[in-house]
Amino acid sequence: MLRILKWLLYLALLGGIALVAYAYLGPWLGADFAPPVEEIRAPLVLDAG
């Protein structure tokens, strides 16, 4: 049982390192993490009374 937990810990650590590496190397690999940019206009009525 301890052997399985140790392998799961190693796998989780390796997955975390891979995720951080992809976050840094993703733009060089062609992944675009930027959100889509669009202007949104909505009318706003202020009730000062």
PDB file of N, CA and C in Angstrom:
ATOM      1  N   MET A   1       0.835  -1.201   0.000  1.00  0.00           N
ATOM      2  CA  MET A   1       0.000   0.000   0.000  1.00  0.00           C
ATOM      3  C   MET A   1       0.875   1.259   0.000  1.00  0.00           C
ATOM      4  N   LEU A   2       1.940   1.209   0.768  1.00  0.00           N
ATOM      5  CA  LEU A   2       2.835   2.368   0.828  1.00  0.00           C
ATOM      6  C   LEU A   2       3.515   2.600  -0.514  1.00  0.00           C
ATOM      7  N   ARG A   3       3.788   1.518  -1.235  1.00  0.00           N
ATOM      8  CA  ARG A   3       4.436   1.631  -2.543  1.00  0.00           C
ATOM      9  C   ARG A   3       3.517   2.364  -3.526  1.00  0.00           C
ATOM     10  N   ILE A   4       2.225   2.071  -3.476  1.00  0.00           N
ATOM     11  CA  ILE A   4       1.271   2.751  -4.370  1.00  0.00           C
ATOM     12  C   ILE A   4       1.188   4.234  -4.035  1.00  0.00           C
ATOM     13  N   LEU A   5       1.140   4.580  -2.767  1.00  0.00           N
ATOM     14  CA  LEU A   5       1.077   5.987  -2.377  1.00  0.00           C
ATOM     15  C   LEU A   5       2.332   6.736  -2.789  1.00  0.00           C
ATOM     16  N   LYS A   6       3.478   6.068  -2.694  1.00  0.00           N
ATOM     17  CA  LYS A   6       4.727   6.706  -3.105  1.00  0.00           C
ATOM     18  C   LYS A   6       4.710   6.984  -4.607  1.00  0.00           C
ATOM     19  N   TRP A   7       4.238   6.023  -5.408  1.00  0.00           N
ATOM     20  CA  TRP A   7       4.160   6.238  -6.848  1.00  0.00           C
ATOM     21  C   TRP A   7       3.149   7.322  -7.208  1.00  0.00           C
ATOM     22  N   LEU A   8       2.039   7.381  -6.489  1.00  0.00           N
ATOM     23  CA  LEU A   8       1.061   8.450  -6.727  1.00  0.00           C
ATOM     24  C   LEU A   8       1.636   9.816  -6.393  1.00  0.00           C
ATOM     25  N   LEU A   9       2.434   9.886  -5.340  1.00  0.00           N
ATOM     26  CA  LEU A   9       3.091  11.144  -4.986  1.00  0.00           C
ATOM     27  C   LEU A   9       4.077  11.563  -6.072  1.00  0.00           C
ATOM     28  N   TYR A  10       4.868  10.604  -6.566  1.00  0.00           N
ATOM     29  CA  TYR A  10       5.797  10.903  -7.656  1.00  0.00           C
ATOM     30  C   TYR A  10       5.059  11.345  -8.910  1.00  0.00           C
ATOM     31  N   LEU A  11       3.966  10.684  -9.210  1.00  0.00           N
ATOM     32  CA  LEU A  11       3.189  11.025 -10.396  1.00  0.00           C
ATOM     33  C   LEU A  11       2.564  12.415 -10.274  1.00  0.00           C
ATOM     34  N   ALA A  12       2.057  12.750  -9.094  1.00  0.00           N
ATOM     35  CA  ALA A  12       1.484  14.085  -8.871  1.00  0.00           C
ATOM     36  C   ALA A  12       2.565  15.156  -8.970  1.00  0.00           C
ATOM     37  N   LEU A  13       3.748  14.887  -8.442  1.00  0.00           N
ATOM     38  CA  LEU A  13       4.853  15.845  -8.521  1.00  0.00           C
ATOM     39  C   LEU A  13       5.292  16.036  -9.967  1.00  0.00           C
ATOM     40  N   LEU A  14       5.394  14.947 -10.703  1.00  0.00           N
ATOM     41  CA  LEU A  14       5.769  15.040 -12.111  1.00  0.00           C
ATOM     42  C   LEU A  14       4.704  15.783 -12.918  1.00  0.00           C
ATOM     43  N   GLY A  15       3.434  15.540 -12.622  1.00  0.00           N
ATOM     44  CA  GLY A  15       2.356  16.262 -13.298  1.00  0.00           C
ATOM     45  C   GLY A  15       2.383  17.751 -12.999  1.00  0.00           C
ATOM     46  N   GLY A  16       2.680  18.119 -11.761  1.00  0.00           N
ATOM     47  CA  GLY A  16       2.790  19.540 -11.404  1.00  0.00           C
ATOM     48  C   GLY A  16       3.934  20.214 -12.132  1.00  0.00           C
ATOM     49  N   ILE A  17       5.064  19.535 -12.207  1.00  0.00           N
ATOM     50  CA  ILE A  17       6.208  20.095 -12.931  1.00  0.00           C
ATOM     51  C   ILE A  17       5.882  20.238 -14.413  1.00  0.00           C
ATOM     52  N   ALA A  18       5.194  19.245 -14.978  1.00  0.00           N
ATOM     53  CA  ALA A  18       4.816  19.317 -16.386  1.00  0.00           C
ATOM     54  C   ALA A  18       3.829  20.451 -16.642  1.00  0.00           C
ATOM     55  N   LEU A  19       2.908  20.681 -15.721  1.00  0.00           N
ATOM     56  CA  LEU A  19       1.942  21.770 -15.882  1.00  0.00           C
ATOM     57  C   LEU A  19       2.625  23.132 -15.843  1.00  0.00           C
ATOM     58  N   VAL A  20       3.553  23.312 -14.928  1.00  0.00           N
ATOM     59  CA  VAL A  20       4.292  24.579 -14.847  1.00  0.00           C
ATOM     60  C   VAL A  20       5.156  24.767 -16.095  1.00  0.00           C
ATOM     61  N   ALA A  21       5.791  23.701 -16.555  1.00  0.00           N
ATOM     62  CA  ALA A  21       6.606  23.790 -17.773  1.00  0.00           C
ATOM     63  C   ALA A  21       5.746  24.155 -18.978  1.00  0.00           C
ATOM     64  N   TYR A  22       4.554  23.571 -19.083  1.00  0.00           N
ATOM     65  CA  TYR A  22       3.664  23.900 -20.200  1.00  0.00           C
ATOM     66  C   TYR A  22       3.186  25.350 -20.121  1.00  0.00           C
ATOM     67  N   ALA A  23       2.969  25.844 -18.908  1.00  0.00           N
ATOM     68  CA  ALA A  23       2.539  27.235 -18.758  1.00  0.00           C
ATOM     69  C   ALA A  23       3.615  28.197 -19.247  1.00  0.00           C
ATOM     70  N   TYR A  24       4.881  27.849 -19.023  1.00  0.00           N
ATOM     71  CA  TYR A  24       5.966  28.715 -19.477  1.00  0.00           C
ATOM     72  C   TYR A  24       6.327  28.488 -20.943  1.00  0.00           C
ATOM     73  N   LEU A  25       6.271  27.251 -21.398  1.00  0.00           N
ATOM     74  CA  LEU A  25       6.695  26.938 -22.757  1.00  0.00           C
ATOM     75  C   LEU A  25       5.538  26.907 -23.755  1.00  0.00           C
ATOM     76  N   GLY A  26       4.307  27.015 -23.292  1.00  0.00           N
ATOM     77  CA  GLY A  26       3.144  26.948 -24.165  1.00  0.00           C
ATOM     78  C   GLY A  26       3.134  27.959 -25.288  1.00  0.00           C
ATOM     79  N   PRO A  27       3.421  29.226 -25.013  1.00  0.00           N
ATOM     80  CA  PRO A  27       3.435  30.197 -26.120  1.00  0.00           C
ATOM     81  C   PRO A  27       4.469  29.867 -27.200  1.00  0.00           C
ATOM     82  N   TRP A  28       5.588  29.279 -26.842  1.00  0.00           N
ATOM     83  CA  TRP A  28       6.580  28.874 -27.848  1.00  0.00           C
ATOM     84  C   TRP A  28       6.116  27.653 -28.625  1.00  0.00           C
ATOM     85  N   LEU A  29       5.224  26.866 -28.034  1.00  0.00           N
ATOM     86  CA  LEU A  29       4.726  25.668 -28.688  1.00  0.00           C
ATOM     87  C   LEU A  29       3.451  25.929 -29.479  1.00  0.00           C
ATOM     88  N   GLY A  30       2.961  27.169 -29.480  1.00  0.00           N
ATOM     89  CA  GLY A  30       1.798  27.522 -30.277  1.00  0.00           C
ATOM     90  C   GLY A  30       0.508  27.656 -29.495  1.00  0.00           C
ATOM     91  N   ALA A  31       0.538  27.503 -28.181  1.00  0.00           N
ATOM     92  CA  ALA A  31      -0.676  27.659 -27.372  1.00  0.00           C
ATOM     93  C   ALA A  31      -0.839  29.133 -27.008  1.00  0.00           C
ATOM     94  N   ASP A  32      -2.041  29.641 -27.151  1.00  0.00           N
ATOM     95  CA  ASP A  32      -2.321  31.043 -26.834  1.00  0.00           C
ATOM     96  C   ASP A  32      -3.204  31.081 -25.593  1.00  0.00           C
ATOM     97  N   PHE A  33      -2.677  31.609 -24.500  1.00  0.00           N
ATOM     98  CA  PHE A  33      -3.402  31.645 -23.235  1.00  0.00           C
ATOM     99  C   PHE A  33      -4.114  32.978 -22.999  1.00  0.00           C
ATOM    100  N   ALA A  34      -4.024  33.899 -23.941  1.00  0.00           N
ATOM    101  CA  ALA A  34      -4.642  35.211 -23.774  1.00  0.00           C
ATOM    102  C   ALA A  34      -6.162  35.099 -23.941  1.00  0.00           C
ATOM    103  N   PRO A  35      -6.915  35.798 -23.102  1.00  0.00           N
ATOM    104  CA  PRO A  35      -8.367  35.772 -23.255  1.00  0.00           C
ATOM    105  C   PRO A  35      -8.797  36.593 -24.471  1.00  0.00           C
ATOM    106  N   PRO A  36      -9.928  36.267 -25.075  1.00  0.00           N
ATOM    107  CA  PRO A  36     -10.406  37.077 -26.195  1.00  0.00           C
ATOM    108  C   PRO A  36     -10.793  38.479 -25.702  1.00  0.00           C
ATOM    109  N   VAL A  37     -10.420  39.470 -26.467  1.00  0.00           N
ATOM    110  CA  VAL A  37     -10.658  40.859 -26.069  1.00  0.00           C
ATOM    111  C   VAL A  37     -11.786  41.426 -26.914  1.00  0.00           C
ATOM    112  N   GLU A  38     -12.819  41.930 -26.250  1.00  0.00           N
ATOM    113  CA  GLU A  38     -13.905  42.606 -26.945  1.00  0.00           C
ATOM    114  C   GLU A  38     -14.475  43.681 -26.014  1.00  0.00           C
ATOM    115  N   GLU A  39     -14.922  44.756 -26.610  1.00  0.00           N
ATOM    116  CA  GLU A  39     -15.475  45.859 -25.835  1.00  0.00           C
ATOM    117  C   GLU A  39     -16.961  45.605 -25.608  1.00  0.00           C
ATOM    118  N   ILE A  40     -17.394  45.780 -24.388  1.00  0.00           N
ATOM    119  CA  ILE A  40     -18.803  45.595 -24.034  1.00  0.00           C
ATOM    120  C   ILE A  40     -19.325  46.919 -23.493  1.00  0.00           C
ATOM    121  N   ARG A  41     -20.375  47.406 -24.097  1.00  0.00           N
ATOM    122  CA  ARG A  41     -20.998  48.648 -23.631  1.00  0.00           C
ATOM    123  C   ARG A  41     -22.413  48.341 -23.153  1.00  0.00           C
ATOM    124  N   ALA A  42     -22.744  48.834 -21.969  1.00  0.00           N
ATOM    125  CA  ALA A  42     -24.081  48.643 -21.406  1.00  0.00           C
ATOM    126  C   ALA A  42     -24.532  49.964 -20.806  1.00  0.00           C
ATOM    127  N   PRO A  43     -25.807  50.332 -21.009  1.00  0.00           N
ATOM    128  CA  PRO A  43     -26.292  51.585 -20.425  1.00  0.00           C
ATOM    129  C   PRO A  43     -26.370  51.466 -18.896  1.00  0.00           C
ATOM    130  N   LEU A  44     -26.074  52.573 -18.231  1.00  0.00           N
ATOM    131  CA  LEU A  44     -26.081  52.602 -16.769  1.00  0.00           C
ATOM    132  C   LEU A  44     -26.918  53.791 -16.323  1.00  0.00           C
ATOM    133  N   VAL A  45     -27.946  53.512 -15.532  1.00  0.00           N
ATOM    134  CA  VAL A  45     -28.818  54.562 -15.023  1.00  0.00           C
ATOM    135  C   VAL A  45     -28.567  54.683 -13.521  1.00  0.00           C
ATOM    136  N   LEU A  46     -28.137  55.890 -13.099  1.00  0.00           N
ATOM    137  CA  LEU A  46     -27.869  56.128 -11.693  1.00  0.00           C
ATOM    138  C   LEU A  46     -29.069  56.834 -11.068  1.00  0.00           C
ATOM    139  N   ASP A  47     -29.582  56.308  -9.982  1.00  0.00           N
ATOM    140  CA  ASP A  47     -30.694  56.896  -9.289  1.00  0.00           C
ATOM    141  C   ASP A  47     -30.151  57.700  -8.102  1.00  0.00           C
ATOM    142  N   ALA A  48     -30.078  59.016  -8.241  1.00  0.00           N
ATOM    143  CA  ALA A  48     -29.498  59.871  -7.209  1.00  0.00           C
ATOM    144  C   ALA A  48     -30.592  60.451  -6.293  1.00  0.00           C
ATOM    145  N   GLY A  49     -31.788  60.016  -6.420  1.00  0.00           N
ATOM    146  CA  GLY A  49     -32.868  60.640  -5.704  1.00  0.00           C
ATOM    147  C   GLY A  49     -33.230  59.939  -4.491  1.00  0.00           C
TER     148      GLY A  49
END
